[in-house]
PDB file of N, CA and C in Angstrom:
ATOM      1  N   MET A   1      87.438  23.661   4.523  1.00  0.00           N
ATOM      2  CA  MET A   1      88.213  24.196   3.254  1.00  0.00           C
ATOM      3  C   MET A   1      88.846  23.516   2.046  1.00  0.00           C
ATOM      4  N   LYS A   2      89.606  22.472   3.350  1.00  0.00           N
ATOM      5  CA  LYS A   2      90.121  20.553   2.194  1.00  0.00           C
ATOM      6  C   LYS A   2      88.953  20.041   1.790  1.00  0.00           C
ATOM      7  N   LYS A   3      87.592  20.172   2.677  1.00  0.00           N
ATOM      8  CA  LYS A   3      86.720  19.126   2.102  1.00  0.00           C
ATOM      9  C   LYS A   3      86.403  19.659   0.488  1.00  0.00           C
ATOM     10  N   ILE A   4      85.902  20.942   0.489  1.00  0.00           N
ATOM     11  CA  ILE A   4      85.705  21.417  -0.959  1.00  0.00           C
ATOM     12  C   ILE A   4      87.132  21.484  -1.865  1.00  0.00           C
ATOM     13  N   TYR A   5      87.972  20.991  -1.493  1.00  0.00           N
ATOM     14  CA  TYR A   5      89.136  21.051  -2.486  1.00  0.00           C
ATOM     15  C   TYR A   5      89.021  19.538  -2.989  1.00  0.00           C
ATOM     16  N   ILE A   6      89.018  18.802  -2.270  1.00  0.00           N
ATOM     17  CA  ILE A   6      88.930  17.290  -2.129  1.00  0.00           C
ATOM     18  C   ILE A   6      87.331  17.019  -3.136  1.00  0.00           C
ATOM     19  N   TRP A   7      86.326  17.698  -3.095  1.00  0.00           N
ATOM     20  CA  TRP A   7      84.886  17.454  -4.034  1.00  0.00           C
ATOM     21  C   TRP A   7      85.364  17.798  -5.114  1.00  0.00           C
ATOM     22  N   LEU A   8      85.833  19.170  -5.220  1.00  0.00           N
ATOM     23  CA  LEU A   8      86.295  19.582  -6.644  1.00  0.00           C
ATOM     24  C   LEU A   8      87.182  18.849  -7.215  1.00  0.00           C
ATOM     25  N   LEU A   9      88.443  18.028  -6.458  1.00  0.00           N
ATOM     26  CA  LEU A   9      89.118  17.390  -7.227  1.00  0.00           C
ATOM     27  C   LEU A   9      88.607  15.973  -7.768  1.00  0.00           C
ATOM     28  N   LEU A  10      87.781  15.732  -6.823  1.00  0.00           N
ATOM     29  CA  LEU A  10      86.502  14.106  -7.396  1.00  0.00           C
ATOM     30  C   LEU A  10      86.020  14.578  -8.441  1.00  0.00           C
ATOM     31  N   LEU A  11      85.533  15.823  -8.402  1.00  0.00           N
ATOM     32  CA  LEU A  11      84.647  16.277  -9.900  1.00  0.00           C
ATOM     33  C   LEU A  11      85.412  16.127 -10.678  1.00  0.00           C
ATOM     34  N   VAL A  12      85.939  17.106 -10.528  1.00  0.00           N
ATOM     35  CA  VAL A  12      86.890  17.149 -12.317  1.00  0.00           C
ATOM     36  C   VAL A  12      87.597  15.503 -12.501  1.00  0.00           C
ATOM     37  N   CYS A  13      87.729  14.649 -11.615  1.00  0.00           N
ATOM     38  CA  CYS A  13      88.729  13.419 -12.196  1.00  0.00           C
ATOM     39  C   CYS A  13      87.275  12.531 -12.388  1.00  0.00           C
ATOM     40  N   GLY A  14      86.429  12.855 -12.192  1.00  0.00           N
ATOM     41  CA  GLY A  14      84.913  11.769 -12.614  1.00  0.00           C
ATOM     42  C   GLY A  14      84.732  12.215 -13.927  1.00  0.00           C
ATOM     43  N   LEU A  15      84.654  13.516 -14.148  1.00  0.00           N
ATOM     44  CA  LEU A  15      84.408  14.335 -15.725  1.00  0.00           C
ATOM     45  C   LEU A  15      85.250  13.881 -16.710  1.00  0.00           C
ATOM     46  N   SER A  16      86.757  13.248 -16.070  1.00  0.00           N
ATOM     47  CA  SER A  16      87.898  13.172 -17.079  1.00  0.00           C
ATOM     48  C   SER A  16      87.390  11.594 -17.019  1.00  0.00           C
ATOM     49  N   VAL A  17      87.330  10.977 -16.612  1.00  0.00           N
ATOM     50  CA  VAL A  17      87.110   9.448 -16.608  1.00  0.00           C
ATOM     51  C   VAL A  17      85.891   9.460 -17.724  1.00  0.00           C
ATOM     52  N   ASN A  18      84.989  10.121 -17.048  1.00  0.00           N
ATOM     53  CA  ASN A  18      83.728  10.074 -18.314  1.00  0.00           C
ATOM     54  C   ASN A  18      83.847  10.274 -19.605  1.00  0.00           C
ATOM     55  N   ALA A  19      84.818  11.202 -19.736  1.00  0.00           N
ATOM     56  CA  ALA A  19      85.209  11.684 -21.090  1.00  0.00           C
ATOM     57  C   ALA A  19      85.806  10.831 -21.927  1.00  0.00           C
ATOM     58  N   GLN A  20      86.465  10.229 -21.127  1.00  0.00           N
ATOM     59  CA  GLN A  20      88.002   9.097 -21.997  1.00  0.00           C
ATOM     60  C   GLN A  20      86.709   7.539 -21.883  1.00  0.00           C
ATOM     61  N   THR A  21      85.605   7.172 -21.056  1.00  0.00           N
ATOM     62  CA  THR A  21      85.066   6.735 -21.329  1.00  0.00           C
ATOM     63  C   THR A  21      84.079   6.333 -22.523  1.00  0.00           C
ATOM     64  N   GLU A  22      83.578   7.590 -22.963  1.00  0.00           N
ATOM     65  CA  GLU A  22      82.628   8.023 -24.209  1.00  0.00           C
ATOM     66  C   GLU A  22      83.535   8.314 -25.438  1.00  0.00           C
ATOM     67  N   ASN A  23      84.739   8.318 -25.051  1.00  0.00           N
ATOM     68  CA  ASN A  23      86.237   8.478 -26.147  1.00  0.00           C
ATOM     69  C   ASN A  23      86.165   7.568 -26.721  1.00  0.00           C
ATOM     70  N   GLU A  24      86.016   6.256 -25.439  1.00  0.00           N
ATOM     71  CA  GLU A  24      86.388   4.907 -25.887  1.00  0.00           C
ATOM     72  C   GLU A  24      85.670   3.929 -26.945  1.00  0.00           C
ATOM     73  N   ALA A  25      84.076   4.474 -26.068  1.00  0.00           N
ATOM     74  CA  ALA A  25      83.541   4.096 -26.878  1.00  0.00           C
ATOM     75  C   ALA A  25      82.874   4.364 -28.118  1.00  0.00           C
ATOM     76  N   ILE A  26      83.586   5.670 -28.834  1.00  0.00           N
ATOM     77  CA  ILE A  26      82.923   6.378 -30.198  1.00  0.00           C
ATOM     78  C   ILE A  26      84.254   5.801 -30.653  1.00  0.00           C
ATOM     79  N   ILE A  27      85.772   5.304 -30.394  1.00  0.00           N
ATOM     80  CA  ILE A  27      86.329   4.513 -30.946  1.00  0.00           C
ATOM     81  C   ILE A  27      86.056   2.848 -31.185  1.00  0.00           C
ATOM     82  N   GLN A  28      85.361   2.463 -30.348  1.00  0.00           N
ATOM     83  CA  GLN A  28      85.150   1.170 -30.443  1.00  0.00           C
ATOM     84  C   GLN A  28      83.665   0.922 -31.850  1.00  0.00           C
ATOM     85  N   SER A  29      83.150   1.962 -31.630  1.00  0.00           N
ATOM     86  CA  SER A  29      81.987   1.813 -32.679  1.00  0.00           C
ATOM     87  C   SER A  29      83.125   2.896 -34.444  1.00  0.00           C
ATOM     88  N   LEU A  30      83.539   2.972 -34.205  1.00  0.00           N
ATOM     89  CA  LEU A  30      84.279   3.407 -35.674  1.00  0.00           C
ATOM     90  C   LEU A  30      84.510   2.038 -35.944  1.00  0.00           C
ATOM     91  N   LYS A  31      85.531   1.121 -34.833  1.00  0.00           N
ATOM     92  CA  LYS A  31      86.617  -0.164 -35.430  1.00  0.00           C
ATOM     93  C   LYS A  31      84.978  -0.924 -35.490  1.00  0.00           C
ATOM     94  N   ALA A  32      84.046  -0.906 -35.026  1.00  0.00           N
ATOM     95  CA  ALA A  32      83.055  -1.862 -35.431  1.00  0.00           C
ATOM     96  C   ALA A  32      82.076  -1.301 -36.603  1.00  0.00           C
ATOM     97  N   THR A  33      82.600  -0.238 -36.960  1.00  0.00           N
ATOM     98  CA  THR A  33      81.850   0.351 -38.530  1.00  0.00           C
ATOM     99  C   THR A  33      79.836   0.255 -37.886  1.00  0.00           C
ATOM    100  N   ASN A  34      79.748   0.707 -37.105  1.00  0.00           N
ATOM    101  CA  ASN A  34      78.568   0.433 -36.125  1.00  0.00           C
ATOM    102  C   ASN A  34      78.295   1.993 -36.092  1.00  0.00           C
ATOM    103  N   MET A  35      77.521   2.361 -37.007  1.00  0.00           N
ATOM    104  CA  MET A  35      77.161   4.021 -37.023  1.00  0.00           C
ATOM    105  C   MET A  35      75.900   4.233 -36.100  1.00  0.00           C
ATOM    106  N   GLU A  36      75.235   3.453 -35.580  1.00  0.00           N
ATOM    107  CA  GLU A  36      74.005   3.663 -34.737  1.00  0.00           C
ATOM    108  C   GLU A  36      74.502   4.002 -33.640  1.00  0.00           C
ATOM    109  N   VAL A  37      75.580   3.313 -33.281  1.00  0.00           N
ATOM    110  CA  VAL A  37      76.353   3.337 -31.379  1.00  0.00           C
ATOM    111  C   VAL A  37      76.910   4.947 -31.819  1.00  0.00           C
ATOM    112  N   LEU A  38      77.279   4.823 -33.345  1.00  0.00           N
ATOM    113  CA  LEU A  38      78.475   6.350 -33.079  1.00  0.00           C
ATOM    114  C   LEU A  38      77.191   7.816 -33.565  1.00  0.00           C
ATOM    115  N   ALA A  39      76.359   7.414 -33.769  1.00  0.00           N
ATOM    116  CA  ALA A  39      75.248   8.483 -33.630  1.00  0.00           C
ATOM    117  C   ALA A  39      74.503   8.541 -32.061  1.00  0.00           C
ATOM    118  N   GLU A  40      74.613   8.073 -31.644  1.00  0.00           N
ATOM    119  CA  GLU A  40      74.724   8.272 -30.387  1.00  0.00           C
ATOM    120  C   GLU A  40      75.172   9.346 -29.649  1.00  0.00           C
ATOM    121  N   TYR A  41      76.069   9.941 -30.372  1.00  0.00           N
ATOM    122  CA  TYR A  41      77.227  10.603 -29.078  1.00  0.00           C
ATOM    123  C   TYR A  41      77.343  11.903 -30.317  1.00  0.00           C
ATOM    124  N   PHE A  42      76.663  11.989 -31.627  1.00  0.00           N
ATOM    125  CA  PHE A  42      76.392  13.656 -32.410  1.00  0.00           C
ATOM    126  C   PHE A  42      74.979  14.253 -31.250  1.00  0.00           C
ATOM    127  N   ASP A  43      75.970  15.356 -31.543  1.00  0.00           N
ATOM    128  CA  ASP A  43      75.289  16.314 -31.171  1.00  0.00           C
ATOM    129  C   ASP A  43      73.859  16.651 -32.091  1.00  0.00           C
ATOM    130  N   ASP A  44      73.010  18.029 -31.536  1.00  0.00           N
ATOM    131  CA  ASP A  44      72.315  17.871 -32.198  1.00  0.00           C
ATOM    132  C   ASP A  44      71.758  18.405 -33.805  1.00  0.00           C
ATOM    133  N   PHE A  45      73.273  19.032 -33.765  1.00  0.00           N
ATOM    134  CA  PHE A  45      73.225  19.292 -35.703  1.00  0.00           C
ATOM    135  C   PHE A  45      75.301  19.549 -35.661  1.00  0.00           C
ATOM    136  N   ILE A  46      75.780  18.324 -36.290  1.00  0.00           N
ATOM    137  CA  ILE A  46      77.008  18.469 -36.630  1.00  0.00           C
ATOM    138  C   ILE A  46      77.141  18.976 -38.061  1.00  0.00           C
ATOM    139  N   ASP A  47      78.431  19.217 -38.337  1.00  0.00           N
ATOM    140  CA  ASP A  47      79.139  19.780 -39.427  1.00  0.00           C
ATOM    141  C   ASP A  47      79.792  18.318 -39.876  1.00  0.00           C
ATOM    142  N   LEU A  48      79.906  18.021 -41.383  1.00  0.00           N
ATOM    143  CA  LEU A  48      80.006  16.865 -41.864  1.00  0.00           C
ATOM    144  C   LEU A  48      80.490  17.169 -43.015  1.00  0.00           C
ATOM    145  N   LYS A  49      82.435  16.874 -43.237  1.00  0.00           N
ATOM    146  CA  LYS A  49      82.897  16.783 -44.691  1.00  0.00           C
ATOM    147  C   LYS A  49      83.307  15.213 -44.658  1.00  0.00           C
ATOM    148  N   LEU A  50      82.968  15.003 -46.298  1.00  0.00           N
ATOM    149  CA  LEU A  50      83.366  13.837 -46.776  1.00  0.00           C
ATOM    150  C   LEU A  50      84.247  13.647 -48.116  1.00  0.00           C
ATOM    151  N   LEU A  51      85.573  13.601 -47.985  1.00  0.00           N
ATOM    152  CA  LEU A  51      86.320  13.310 -49.016  1.00  0.00           C
ATOM    153  C   LEU A  51      86.044  14.676 -49.905  1.00  0.00           C
ATOM    154  N   ASP A  52      85.866  14.669 -51.256  1.00  0.00           N
ATOM    155  CA  ASP A  52      85.777  15.426 -52.015  1.00  0.00           C
ATOM    156  C   ASP A  52      84.368  16.656 -52.244  1.00  0.00           C
ATOM    157  N   LYS A  53      83.769  16.580 -51.276  1.00  0.00           N
ATOM    158  CA  LYS A  53      82.329  16.737 -50.971  1.00  0.00           C
ATOM    159  C   LYS A  53      82.549  18.258 -49.896  1.00  0.00           C
ATOM    160  N   ASP A  54      81.706  18.875 -50.716  1.00  0.00           N
ATOM    161  CA  ASP A  54      81.758  20.175 -49.879  1.00  0.00           C
ATOM    162  C   ASP A  54      81.492  19.734 -47.964  1.00  0.00           C
ATOM    163  N   GLU A  55      81.858  20.922 -47.220  1.00  0.00           N
ATOM    164  CA  GLU A  55      81.259  20.291 -45.897  1.00  0.00           C
ATOM    165  C   GLU A  55      80.285  20.926 -46.020  1.00  0.00           C
ATOM    166  N   VAL A  56      79.132  20.281 -45.418  1.00  0.00           N
ATOM    167  CA  VAL A  56      77.765  20.599 -44.992  1.00  0.00           C
ATOM    168  C   VAL A  56      77.855  21.180 -43.388  1.00  0.00           C
ATOM    169  N   LYS A  57      76.871  21.828 -43.226  1.00  0.00           N
ATOM    170  CA  LYS A  57      77.144  22.624 -41.656  1.00  0.00           C
ATOM    171  C   LYS A  57      75.846  22.566 -41.441  1.00  0.00           C
ATOM    172  N   ASN A  58      75.626  22.109 -39.946  1.00  0.00           N
ATOM    173  CA  ASN A  58      74.306  22.128 -39.112  1.00  0.00           C
ATOM    174  C   ASN A  58      73.659  20.912 -39.867  1.00  0.00           C
ATOM    175  N   MET A  59      74.020  19.743 -40.071  1.00  0.00           N
ATOM    176  CA  MET A  59      73.113  18.595 -40.672  1.00  0.00           C
ATOM    177  C   MET A  59      72.811  17.711 -39.388  1.00  0.00           C
ATOM    178  N   SER A  60      71.513  17.379 -39.475  1.00  0.00           N
ATOM    179  CA  SER A  60      70.642  16.919 -38.185  1.00  0.00           C
ATOM    180  C   SER A  60      71.547  15.376 -37.996  1.00  0.00           C
ATOM    181  N   LYS A  61      71.130  14.757 -36.904  1.00  0.00           N
ATOM    182  CA  LYS A  61      71.733  13.422 -36.686  1.00  0.00           C
ATOM    183  C   LYS A  61      71.127  12.399 -37.594  1.00  0.00           C
ATOM    184  N   ASN A  62      69.841  12.547 -38.176  1.00  0.00           N
ATOM    185  CA  ASN A  62      69.492  11.317 -38.809  1.00  0.00           C
ATOM    186  C   ASN A  62      70.244  11.270 -40.057  1.00  0.00           C
ATOM    187  N   GLN A  63      70.289  12.550 -40.314  1.00  0.00           N
ATOM    188  CA  GLN A  63      71.074  12.951 -42.044  1.00  0.00           C
ATOM    189  C   GLN A  63      72.421  12.604 -41.711  1.00  0.00           C
ATOM    190  N   ALA A  64      73.282  12.740 -40.482  1.00  0.00           N
ATOM    191  CA  ALA A  64      74.096  12.685 -40.861  1.00  0.00           C
ATOM    192  C   ALA A  64      74.509  11.286 -40.845  1.00  0.00           C
ATOM    193  N   THR A  65      73.940  10.453 -39.721  1.00  0.00           N
ATOM    194  CA  THR A  65      73.874   8.994 -39.555  1.00  0.00           C
ATOM    195  C   THR A  65      73.879   8.434 -41.088  1.00  0.00           C
ATOM    196  N   ILE A  66      73.256   8.859 -41.927  1.00  0.00           N
ATOM    197  CA  ILE A  66      72.299   8.135 -43.536  1.00  0.00           C
ATOM    198  C   ILE A  66      73.661   8.308 -44.261  1.00  0.00           C
ATOM    199  N   ALA A  67      74.288   9.409 -44.079  1.00  0.00           N
ATOM    200  CA  ALA A  67      75.622  10.083 -44.840  1.00  0.00           C
ATOM    201  C   ALA A  67      76.759   8.922 -44.552  1.00  0.00           C
ATOM    202  N   LEU A  68      76.995   9.159 -43.420  1.00  0.00           N
ATOM    203  CA  LEU A  68      78.087   8.125 -43.242  1.00  0.00           C
ATOM    204  C   LEU A  68      78.057   6.630 -43.521  1.00  0.00           C
ATOM    205  N   LYS A  69      76.613   6.179 -42.954  1.00  0.00           N
ATOM    206  CA  LYS A  69      76.412   4.952 -43.475  1.00  0.00           C
ATOM    207  C   LYS A  69      76.559   4.606 -44.918  1.00  0.00           C
ATOM    208  N   SER A  70      76.507   5.330 -45.998  1.00  0.00           N
ATOM    209  CA  SER A  70      76.528   5.534 -47.076  1.00  0.00           C
ATOM    210  C   SER A  70      77.934   5.589 -47.550  1.00  0.00           C
ATOM    211  N   PHE A  71      78.607   6.252 -47.124  1.00  0.00           N
ATOM    212  CA  PHE A  71      79.828   6.148 -46.741  1.00  0.00           C
ATOM    213  C   PHE A  71      80.887   5.363 -46.724  1.00  0.00           C
ATOM    214  N   TYR A  72      80.403   4.738 -45.616  1.00  0.00           N
ATOM    215  CA  TYR A  72      81.685   3.357 -45.237  1.00  0.00           C
ATOM    216  C   TYR A  72      80.837   2.102 -45.908  1.00  0.00           C
ATOM    217  N   ASN A  73      79.210   2.065 -46.747  1.00  0.00           N
ATOM    218  CA  ASN A  73      79.151   0.999 -47.844  1.00  0.00           C
ATOM    219  C   ASN A  73      79.804   1.579 -48.876  1.00  0.00           C
ATOM    220  N   GLU A  74      79.884   2.510 -49.774  1.00  0.00           N
ATOM    221  CA  GLU A  74      80.073   3.369 -50.824  1.00  0.00           C
ATOM    222  C   GLU A  74      81.833   2.649 -50.876  1.00  0.00           C
ATOM    223  N   ASN A  75      82.619   2.935 -49.600  1.00  0.00           N
ATOM    224  CA  ASN A  75      84.121   3.096 -49.335  1.00  0.00           C
ATOM    225  C   ASN A  75      84.572   1.623 -49.179  1.00  0.00           C
ATOM    226  N   GLY A  76      83.625   0.935 -48.797  1.00  0.00           N
ATOM    227  CA  GLY A  76      84.090  -0.540 -48.168  1.00  0.00           C
ATOM    228  C   GLY A  76      84.808  -0.664 -47.352  1.00  0.00           C
ATOM    229  N   ILE A  77      84.940   0.478 -45.885  1.00  0.00           N
ATOM    230  CA  ILE A  77      85.408   0.685 -44.831  1.00  0.00           C
ATOM    231  C   ILE A  77      84.970  -0.192 -43.858  1.00  0.00           C
ATOM    232  N   LYS A  78      86.358  -0.739 -43.565  1.00  0.00           N
ATOM    233  CA  LYS A  78      86.331  -2.206 -42.293  1.00  0.00           C
ATOM    234  C   LYS A  78      86.542  -2.198 -41.019  1.00  0.00           C
ATOM    235  N   GLY A  79      87.454  -0.670 -40.828  1.00  0.00           N
ATOM    236  CA  GLY A  79      88.088  -0.351 -39.565  1.00  0.00           C
ATOM    237  C   GLY A  79      88.476   0.895 -39.353  1.00  0.00           C
ATOM    238  N   PHE A  80      88.802   0.894 -38.354  1.00  0.00           N
ATOM    239  CA  PHE A  80      89.292   2.126 -37.481  1.00  0.00           C
ATOM    240  C   PHE A  80      90.994   2.118 -36.752  1.00  0.00           C
ATOM    241  N   ASP A  81      91.649   2.545 -36.579  1.00  0.00           N
ATOM    242  CA  ASP A  81      92.996   3.068 -36.347  1.00  0.00           C
ATOM    243  C   ASP A  81      93.089   4.430 -35.296  1.00  0.00           C
ATOM    244  N   LYS A  82      93.019   4.115 -34.465  1.00  0.00           N
ATOM    245  CA  LYS A  82      93.243   6.119 -33.822  1.00  0.00           C
ATOM    246  C   LYS A  82      94.854   6.308 -33.889  1.00  0.00           C
ATOM    247  N   VAL A  83      94.934   7.554 -34.078  1.00  0.00           N
ATOM    248  CA  VAL A  83      96.233   8.212 -34.245  1.00  0.00           C
ATOM    249  C   VAL A  83      96.386   9.149 -33.020  1.00  0.00           C
ATOM    250  N   SER A  84      95.534   9.560 -33.091  1.00  0.00           N
ATOM    251  CA  SER A  84      95.992  10.676 -31.675  1.00  0.00           C
ATOM    252  C   SER A  84      94.332  10.860 -31.052  1.00  0.00           C
ATOM    253  N   GLU A  85      94.809  11.624 -29.905  1.00  0.00           N
ATOM    254  CA  GLU A  85      93.377  12.276 -29.253  1.00  0.00           C
ATOM    255  C   GLU A  85      94.099  13.551 -27.886  1.00  0.00           C
ATOM    256  N   GLY A  86      93.134  14.492 -27.735  1.00  0.00           N
ATOM    257  CA  GLY A  86      94.052  15.087 -26.912  1.00  0.00           C
ATOM    258  C   GLY A  86      92.456  16.491 -26.736  1.00  0.00           C
ATOM    259  N   GLY A  87      92.737  17.759 -26.024  1.00  0.00           N
ATOM    260  CA  GLY A  87      91.475  18.344 -25.855  1.00  0.00           C
ATOM    261  C   GLY A  87      92.070  19.512 -24.662  1.00  0.00           C
ATOM    262  N   LYS A  88      91.624  20.520 -24.391  1.00  0.00           N
ATOM    263  CA  LYS A  88      91.597  21.142 -23.751  1.00  0.00           C
ATOM    264  C   LYS A  88      90.093  22.135 -23.415  1.00  0.00           C
ATOM    265  N   GLY A  89      89.622  22.364 -22.161  1.00  0.00           N
ATOM    266  CA  GLY A  89      88.614  22.429 -21.340  1.00  0.00           C
ATOM    267  C   GLY A  89      87.718  21.733 -22.215  1.00  0.00           C
ATOM    268  N   THR A  90      86.519  22.697 -22.792  1.00  0.00           N
ATOM    269  CA  THR A  90      85.592  21.507 -23.500  1.00  0.00           C
ATOM    270  C   THR A  90      85.743  21.090 -24.466  1.00  0.00           C
ATOM    271  N   LEU A  91      86.353  20.817 -25.217  1.00  0.00           N
ATOM    272  CA  LEU A  91      86.394  20.778 -26.589  1.00  0.00           C
ATOM    273  C   LEU A  91      88.128  19.550 -26.323  1.00  0.00           C
ATOM    274  N   SER A  92      87.532  18.753 -27.406  1.00  0.00           N
ATOM    275  CA  SER A  92      88.511  17.423 -27.641  1.00  0.00           C
ATOM    276  C   SER A  92      88.613  17.352 -29.440  1.00  0.00           C
ATOM    277  N   TYR A  93      89.488  15.964 -29.656  1.00  0.00           N
ATOM    278  CA  TYR A  93      89.570  15.410 -31.180  1.00  0.00           C
ATOM    279  C   TYR A  93      90.206  13.999 -30.656  1.00  0.00           C
ATOM    280  N   LEU A  94      89.191  13.641 -31.800  1.00  0.00           N
ATOM    281  CA  LEU A  94      90.011  12.093 -32.431  1.00  0.00           C
ATOM    282  C   LEU A  94      90.380  12.157 -33.612  1.00  0.00           C
ATOM    283  N   ILE A  95      91.843  11.948 -33.846  1.00  0.00           N
ATOM    284  CA  ILE A  95      92.145  11.571 -35.558  1.00  0.00           C
ATOM    285  C   ILE A  95      92.795  10.535 -35.355  1.00  0.00           C
ATOM    286  N   GLY A  96      92.267   9.701 -36.314  1.00  0.00           N
ATOM    287  CA  GLY A  96      92.680   8.053 -37.283  1.00  0.00           C
ATOM    288  C   GLY A  96      92.383   8.275 -38.469  1.00  0.00           C
ATOM    289  N   LYS A  97      92.222   6.836 -38.870  1.00  0.00           N
ATOM    290  CA  LYS A  97      92.622   6.261 -40.028  1.00  0.00           C
ATOM    291  C   LYS A  97      91.338   5.058 -40.384  1.00  0.00           C
ATOM    292  N   LEU A  98      90.328   5.387 -41.363  1.00  0.00           N
ATOM    293  CA  LEU A  98      89.096   4.402 -41.792  1.00  0.00           C
ATOM    294  C   LEU A  98      89.782   3.889 -42.359  1.00  0.00           C
ATOM    295  N   THR A  99      89.843   2.554 -42.446  1.00  0.00           N
ATOM    296  CA  THR A  99      90.396   1.293 -43.327  1.00  0.00           C
ATOM    297  C   THR A  99      89.498   0.704 -44.287  1.00  0.00           C
ATOM    298  N   THR A 100      90.094   0.446 -45.678  1.00  0.00           N
ATOM    299  CA  THR A 100      89.941  -0.355 -46.509  1.00  0.00           C
ATOM    300  C   THR A 100      90.177  -1.758 -46.698  1.00  0.00           C
ATOM    301  N   ALA A 101      90.002  -2.742 -47.384  1.00  0.00           N
ATOM    302  CA  ALA A 101      91.194  -3.462 -48.232  1.00  0.00           C
ATOM    303  C   ALA A 101      92.052  -3.337 -48.699  1.00  0.00           C
ATOM    304  N   THR A 102      92.298  -1.847 -49.220  1.00  0.00           N
ATOM    305  CA  THR A 102      93.247  -1.647 -50.153  1.00  0.00           C
ATOM    306  C   THR A 102      93.711  -0.402 -50.040  1.00  0.00           C
ATOM    307  N   LYS A 103      93.038   0.799 -49.027  1.00  0.00           N
ATOM    308  CA  LYS A 103      93.332   2.076 -48.535  1.00  0.00           C
ATOM    309  C   LYS A 103      92.822   2.479 -47.156  1.00  0.00           C
ATOM    310  N   SER A 104      93.332   3.838 -47.118  1.00  0.00           N
ATOM    311  CA  SER A 104      92.815   4.303 -45.808  1.00  0.00           C
ATOM    312  C   SER A 104      92.596   5.761 -45.927  1.00  0.00           C
ATOM    313  N   TYR A 105      91.673   6.356 -44.947  1.00  0.00           N
ATOM    314  CA  TYR A 105      90.828   7.751 -45.512  1.00  0.00           C
ATOM    315  C   TYR A 105      91.329   8.279 -43.714  1.00  0.00           C
ATOM    316  N   ASN A 106      91.807   9.273 -44.006  1.00  0.00           N
ATOM    317  CA  ASN A 106      92.331  10.380 -42.820  1.00  0.00           C
ATOM    318  C   ASN A 106      90.757  10.576 -41.855  1.00  0.00           C
ATOM    319  N   ILE A 107      90.756  10.710 -40.976  1.00  0.00           N
ATOM    320  CA  ILE A 107      89.425  11.100 -39.879  1.00  0.00           C
ATOM    321  C   ILE A 107      89.544  11.890 -39.094  1.00  0.00           C
ATOM    322  N   THR A 108      89.143  13.162 -38.726  1.00  0.00           N
ATOM    323  CA  THR A 108      89.003  13.788 -37.544  1.00  0.00           C
ATOM    324  C   THR A 108      88.002  13.973 -37.059  1.00  0.00           C
ATOM    325  N   ILE A 109      87.713  13.679 -36.056  1.00  0.00           N
ATOM    326  CA  ILE A 109      86.232  13.623 -34.917  1.00  0.00           C
ATOM    327  C   ILE A 109      86.733  15.225 -33.993  1.00  0.00           C
ATOM    328  N   GLN A 110      85.692  16.177 -33.777  1.00  0.00           N
ATOM    329  CA  GLN A 110      85.844  17.197 -32.559  1.00  0.00           C
ATOM    330  C   GLN A 110      84.786  17.043 -31.293  1.00  0.00           C
ATOM    331  N   LEU A 111      84.702  16.610 -30.768  1.00  0.00           N
ATOM    332  CA  LEU A 111      84.212  16.736 -29.413  1.00  0.00           C
ATOM    333  C   LEU A 111      84.060  18.297 -28.789  1.00  0.00           C
ATOM    334  N   LYS A 112      82.525  18.389 -28.010  1.00  0.00           N
ATOM    335  CA  LYS A 112      82.716  19.199 -27.309  1.00  0.00           C
ATOM    336  C   LYS A 112      81.814  18.333 -26.087  1.00  0.00           C
ATOM    337  N   GLN A 113      81.920  19.142 -24.468  1.00  0.00           N
ATOM    338  CA  GLN A 113      81.449  18.741 -23.666  1.00  0.00           C
ATOM    339  C   GLN A 113      79.677  19.824 -23.753  1.00  0.00           C
ATOM    340  N   LYS A 114      79.107  18.900 -23.309  1.00  0.00           N
ATOM    341  CA  LYS A 114      77.585  19.356 -22.996  1.00  0.00           C
ATOM    342  C   LYS A 114      76.858  18.533 -22.524  1.00  0.00           C
ATOM    343  N   ASN A 115      76.469  19.619 -21.750  1.00  0.00           N
ATOM    344  CA  ASN A 115      75.536  18.540 -20.403  1.00  0.00           C
ATOM    345  C   ASN A 115      76.196  17.332 -19.549  1.00  0.00           C
ATOM    346  N   GLY A 116      77.500  17.731 -19.351  1.00  0.00           N
ATOM    347  CA  GLY A 116      78.366  16.449 -18.832  1.00  0.00           C
ATOM    348  C   GLY A 116      78.497  15.216 -19.526  1.00  0.00           C
ATOM    349  N   LYS A 117      78.364  15.327 -21.070  1.00  0.00           N
ATOM    350  CA  LYS A 117      78.762  14.065 -22.574  1.00  0.00           C
ATOM    351  C   LYS A 117      79.380  14.628 -23.385  1.00  0.00           C
ATOM    352  N   SER A 118      80.353  14.085 -23.808  1.00  0.00           N
ATOM    353  CA  SER A 118      81.159  14.702 -24.720  1.00  0.00           C
ATOM    354  C   SER A 118      79.821  14.074 -26.355  1.00  0.00           C
ATOM    355  N   GLN A 119      80.125  14.835 -26.864  1.00  0.00           N
ATOM    356  CA  GLN A 119      79.114  15.174 -28.268  1.00  0.00           C
ATOM    357  C   GLN A 119      79.959  15.561 -29.430  1.00  0.00           C
ATOM    358  N   ILE A 120      79.643  14.706 -30.360  1.00  0.00           N
ATOM    359  CA  ILE A 120      80.418  14.764 -31.735  1.00  0.00           C
ATOM    360  C   ILE A 120      79.777  16.392 -32.574  1.00  0.00           C
ATOM    361  N   ILE A 121      80.475  17.298 -32.553  1.00  0.00           N
ATOM    362  CA  ILE A 121      80.352  18.464 -33.449  1.00  0.00           C
ATOM    363  C   ILE A 121      80.686  18.428 -34.744  1.00  0.00           C
ATOM    364  N   THR A 122      81.727  17.933 -34.865  1.00  0.00           N
ATOM    365  CA  THR A 122      82.338  17.968 -36.812  1.00  0.00           C
ATOM    366  C   THR A 122      83.164  16.276 -36.677  1.00  0.00           C
ATOM    367  N   ILE A 123      83.194  16.116 -37.857  1.00  0.00           N
ATOM    368  CA  ILE A 123      83.400  14.983 -38.853  1.00  0.00           C
ATOM    369  C   ILE A 123      83.812  15.375 -39.952  1.00  0.00           C
ATOM    370  N   ARG A 124      85.373  14.743 -40.226  1.00  0.00           N
ATOM    371  CA  ARG A 124      85.629  15.698 -41.558  1.00  0.00           C
ATOM    372  C   ARG A 124      86.676  14.222 -41.857  1.00  0.00           C
ATOM    373  N   ILE A 125      86.378  13.757 -43.063  1.00  0.00           N
ATOM    374  CA  ILE A 125      87.019  12.488 -44.031  1.00  0.00           C
ATOM    375  C   ILE A 125      87.912  13.048 -44.898  1.00  0.00           C
ATOM    376  N   SER A 126      89.002  12.650 -45.180  1.00  0.00           N
ATOM    377  CA  SER A 126      89.700  13.236 -46.703  1.00  0.00           C
ATOM    378  C   SER A 126      90.311  12.070 -46.735  1.00  0.00           C
TER     379      SER A 126
END
């Protein structure tokens, strides 16, 4: 019985470390303004809200990547500063600021564990 508890503990710890590593990769891609790497963590369809535009539900990975690249280029996004991260169960979030030369935008990213990986399901920029 003790062995079962030890294996369960190791499994849970392994999943937590994997999620933290994925979150770090997402944060680094935001800092480097690398949408191709960020898109690797998109679910098949995501909800995307950009500034004063209406939220688009169930946007494909490709469409979301194009929309984010366009947003980054139009607004001169230079980097990202993490403000907070957390979660419970299979859902987690990242909150931060996208920075330009003169201003910043708030960004919230919601992630869900799917098939043992963290996948982005929602991005909101305001």
